[in-house]
Amino acid sequence: MGRARQEAPTGTQGEDYTRRLQRLGGARWKQLLDVQAPYRWNLRRLGLGRTLDVGCGLGRNLANLGGGAVGVDHNATSIAHARAAGHEAYTVEEFFRSEHARPDAFDSLLAAHLLEHLPAGQALEVVSSYLPFVRPGGTAVFITPQERGYASDASHVRFVGFAEAAEAARDLGMSVVRQYSFPFPRALGKLFTYNEFVTVARLP
């Protein structure tokens, strides 16, 4: 697909969005409590192998995924931050010119907090453009915010729950393996900003 069709809404593309992510992630209380610990555990228990993190932002999940993970994002400022933190990350244009843009280079694809930033059709186009780089039978994981988290970011354009994520997986030719709420039960999604929908799907 053409690069223009991969552009997300401008709300996530500028330096101001990167600064917002830095401010939120850099809060002192989050560092002291290591709030990423449960999310790190959640990703690692999935056994994703070498992962392509689409919409990687500052690289938070690249750190959680461990060695071999590669990130891609349309926000050049966020990519610069991810690289400064020691992660392997590329802008969209850089990735498609890189050695990683080859068939079956990855065991899995992660799209964490990506789908809610895009209209449904555009989300499918973006994700589908990276699927050729995931091996047959590989895994795709979609992570999206629940109600409180969705309302916390003005750049979100649509609510993506279990049903919407499952529909996206099926439209992309994948089968849904598992869906669950994390880190707390679904009922807390209206109260806890960081409660997430997790959809695990299998590529054909």
Protein backbone atom coordinates (compact mmCIF):
# COMPACT_ATOMS: atom_id res chain seq x y z
CA MET A 1 0.00 0.00 0.00
CA GLY A 2 1.11 3.59 -0.47
CA ARG A 3 2.71 5.45 2.38
CA ALA A 4 0.02 8.15 2.34
CA ARG A 5 -2.63 5.58 3.21
CA GLN A 6 -0.69 4.64 6.34
CA GLU A 7 -0.84 8.10 7.85
CA ALA A 8 -2.73 8.24 11.13
CA PRO A 9 -4.70 11.27 12.32
CA THR A 10 -2.39 14.22 12.96
CA GLY A 11 -3.20 14.02 16.67
CA THR A 12 -0.58 11.28 17.09
CA GLN A 13 1.98 12.46 14.57
CA GLY A 14 3.49 15.58 16.07
CA GLU A 15 6.10 16.33 18.69
CA ASP A 16 3.37 17.42 21.10
CA TYR A 17 1.99 13.88 21.19
CA THR A 18 5.44 12.50 21.96
CA ARG A 19 5.79 14.99 24.80
CA ARG A 20 2.43 13.88 26.17
CA LEU A 21 3.55 10.25 26.17
CA GLN A 22 6.80 11.19 27.85
CA ARG A 23 4.97 13.17 30.52
CA LEU A 24 2.53 10.38 31.26
CA GLY A 25 5.10 7.62 31.27
CA GLY A 26 7.69 9.59 33.20
CA ALA A 27 5.56 10.37 36.24
CA ARG A 28 7.69 9.72 39.32
CA TRP A 29 5.08 7.58 41.06
CA LYS A 30 4.97 5.28 38.04
CA GLN A 31 8.73 4.84 38.15
CA LEU A 32 8.76 4.14 41.88
CA LEU A 33 5.97 1.56 41.70
CA ASP A 34 7.16 -0.04 38.43
CA VAL A 35 3.63 0.08 37.06
CA GLN A 36 4.80 -1.62 33.87
CA ALA A 37 5.55 -4.86 35.73
CA PRO A 38 2.13 -6.52 35.18
CA TYR A 39 2.01 -5.41 31.54
CA ARG A 40 5.54 -6.69 31.01
CA TRP A 41 4.50 -10.03 32.49
CA ASN A 42 1.37 -10.12 30.35
CA LEU A 43 3.30 -9.73 27.10
CA ARG A 44 6.05 -12.15 28.01
CA ARG A 45 3.67 -14.92 29.06
CA LEU A 46 2.19 -14.88 25.56
CA GLY A 47 5.47 -16.22 24.18
CA LEU A 48 5.39 -14.02 21.11
CA GLY A 49 8.93 -14.69 19.94
CA ARG A 50 10.44 -12.09 17.63
CA THR A 51 7.83 -9.36 17.49
CA LEU A 52 7.06 -6.45 15.19
CA ASP A 53 5.51 -3.69 17.31
CA VAL A 54 3.36 -1.58 14.98
CA GLY A 55 2.63 1.84 16.45
CA CYS A 56 5.41 1.41 19.00
CA GLY A 57 5.40 5.02 20.20
CA LEU A 58 8.19 5.63 22.72
CA GLY A 59 9.09 1.95 22.82
CA ARG A 60 7.46 0.97 26.11
CA ASN A 61 6.42 -2.42 24.78
CA LEU A 62 9.74 -2.93 23.02
CA ALA A 63 11.30 -2.90 26.46
CA ASN A 64 8.71 -5.40 27.68
CA LEU A 65 9.07 -7.71 24.68
CA GLY A 66 12.79 -8.27 25.10
CA GLY A 67 15.50 -8.91 22.53
CA GLY A 68 14.76 -9.14 18.84
CA ALA A 69 11.67 -6.93 18.90
CA VAL A 70 11.46 -4.19 16.29
CA GLY A 71 9.22 -1.14 16.43
CA VAL A 72 7.67 1.04 13.75
CA ASP A 73 5.72 4.27 14.15
CA HIS A 74 4.69 7.20 11.97
CA ASN A 75 5.81 9.71 14.63
CA ALA A 76 9.48 10.48 13.95
CA THR A 77 9.93 12.21 17.32
CA SER A 78 8.68 9.16 19.17
CA ILE A 79 10.99 6.93 17.14
CA ALA A 80 13.95 9.14 18.06
CA HIS A 81 13.00 8.76 21.73
CA ALA A 82 12.71 4.96 21.37
CA ARG A 83 16.13 4.78 19.76
CA ALA A 84 17.65 6.94 22.46
CA ALA A 85 16.33 4.40 24.97
CA GLY A 86 18.25 1.67 23.13
CA HIS A 87 15.41 0.11 21.12
CA GLU A 88 15.45 -0.84 17.45
CA ALA A 89 12.74 1.32 15.96
CA TYR A 90 11.96 2.85 12.58
CA THR A 91 9.64 5.35 10.97
CA VAL A 92 7.28 3.79 8.43
CA GLU A 93 9.44 4.80 5.48
CA GLU A 94 12.62 3.56 7.17
CA PHE A 95 11.10 0.23 8.08
CA PHE A 96 10.02 -0.59 4.54
CA ARG A 97 13.59 0.09 3.38
CA SER A 98 15.13 -1.95 6.19
CA GLU A 99 16.40 -5.52 6.31
CA HIS A 100 13.41 -6.42 8.49
CA ALA A 101 10.88 -5.84 5.71
CA ARG A 102 11.10 -9.38 4.35
CA PRO A 103 8.71 -12.33 4.40
CA ASP A 104 8.44 -14.30 7.64
CA ALA A 105 10.94 -12.11 9.49
CA PHE A 106 8.80 -12.09 12.64
CA ASP A 107 6.92 -14.59 14.77
CA SER A 108 4.25 -12.11 15.77
CA LEU A 109 2.77 -8.67 15.34
CA LEU A 110 1.74 -6.42 18.22
CA ALA A 111 -0.66 -3.51 17.72
CA ALA A 112 -1.02 -2.00 21.18
CA HIS A 113 -3.12 1.15 21.41
CA LEU A 114 -3.18 1.56 17.66
CA LEU A 115 -6.63 0.54 16.40
CA GLU A 116 -8.50 3.13 18.46
CA HIS A 117 -6.52 5.91 16.74
CA LEU A 118 -7.72 4.94 13.26
CA PRO A 119 -11.01 4.55 11.39
CA ALA A 120 -11.78 0.86 10.94
CA GLY A 121 -10.86 0.68 7.26
CA GLN A 122 -7.61 2.51 7.71
CA ALA A 123 -6.67 0.33 10.67
CA LEU A 124 -7.07 -2.74 8.48
CA GLU A 125 -4.91 -1.21 5.77
CA VAL A 126 -2.13 -0.35 8.19
CA VAL A 127 -2.05 -3.73 9.92
CA SER A 128 -2.38 -5.68 6.66
CA SER A 129 0.66 -3.89 5.21
CA TYR A 130 2.85 -5.50 7.91
CA LEU A 131 1.36 -9.01 7.95
CA PRO A 132 3.56 -10.30 5.08
CA PHE A 133 6.52 -9.94 7.44
CA VAL A 134 4.99 -12.34 9.99
CA ARG A 135 5.46 -16.05 9.46
CA PRO A 136 2.49 -18.30 8.57
CA GLY A 137 0.77 -19.49 11.73
CA GLY A 138 2.23 -16.56 13.65
CA THR A 139 0.42 -14.49 16.23
CA ALA A 140 -1.18 -11.05 16.17
CA VAL A 141 -2.08 -9.26 19.39
CA PHE A 142 -4.40 -6.24 19.53
CA ILE A 143 -4.50 -4.24 22.75
CA THR A 144 -7.01 -1.40 23.14
CA PRO A 145 -8.23 0.75 26.03
CA GLN A 146 -11.49 0.24 27.87
CA GLU A 147 -13.93 3.07 28.59
CA ARG A 148 -11.92 5.16 31.07
CA GLY A 149 -8.75 4.84 29.03
CA TYR A 150 -10.54 5.61 25.80
CA ALA A 151 -11.92 8.85 27.26
CA SER A 152 -8.49 9.92 28.51
CA ASP A 153 -7.01 10.68 25.07
CA ALA A 154 -8.56 13.15 22.65
CA SER A 155 -6.73 11.56 19.72
CA HIS A 156 -8.83 8.39 19.98
CA VAL A 157 -11.31 8.21 17.10
CA ARG A 158 -13.34 5.04 17.83
CA PHE A 159 -13.94 2.62 20.65
CA VAL A 160 -12.48 -0.83 19.94
CA GLY A 161 -13.78 -3.51 22.30
CA PHE A 162 -13.72 -7.27 22.06
CA ALA A 163 -16.24 -7.37 19.20
CA GLU A 164 -14.47 -4.75 17.08
CA ALA A 165 -11.03 -6.30 17.60
CA ALA A 166 -12.33 -9.77 16.74
CA GLU A 167 -13.97 -8.39 13.60
CA ALA A 168 -10.67 -6.77 12.57
CA ALA A 169 -8.83 -10.06 13.07
CA ARG A 170 -11.35 -11.96 10.96
CA ASP A 171 -11.33 -9.29 8.24
CA LEU A 172 -7.56 -9.74 8.09
CA GLY A 173 -7.96 -13.48 7.60
CA MET A 174 -7.00 -14.46 11.13
CA SER A 175 -8.73 -16.62 13.70
CA VAL A 176 -9.28 -15.36 17.24
CA VAL A 177 -7.56 -17.55 19.81
CA ARG A 178 -8.33 -15.68 23.02
CA GLN A 179 -9.77 -12.44 24.37
CA TYR A 180 -9.44 -11.17 27.92
CA SER A 181 -9.45 -8.07 30.10
CA PHE A 182 -6.17 -7.01 31.72
CA PRO A 183 -5.00 -6.36 34.39
CA PHE A 184 -8.41 -6.29 36.07
CA PRO A 185 -11.82 -7.79 35.22
CA ARG A 186 -13.88 -6.11 32.51
CA ALA A 187 -16.17 -4.43 35.05
CA LEU A 188 -13.37 -2.06 36.08
CA GLY A 189 -12.93 -0.68 32.58
CA LYS A 190 -15.13 2.30 33.37
CA LEU A 191 -13.08 3.18 36.44
CA PHE A 192 -9.44 2.25 35.80
CA THR A 193 -7.68 4.16 33.02
CA TYR A 194 -5.20 1.41 32.25
CA ASN A 195 -7.58 -1.55 31.94
CA GLU A 196 -7.21 -3.06 28.49
CA PHE A 197 -8.90 -5.35 26.00
CA VAL A 198 -6.45 -8.00 24.76
CA THR A 199 -7.21 -10.00 21.61
CA VAL A 200 -4.86 -12.78 20.53
CA ALA A 201 -5.29 -14.05 16.98
CA ARG A 202 -3.55 -16.59 14.76
CA LEU A 203 -2.43 -15.99 11.20
CA PRO A 204 -3.30 -18.62 8.60
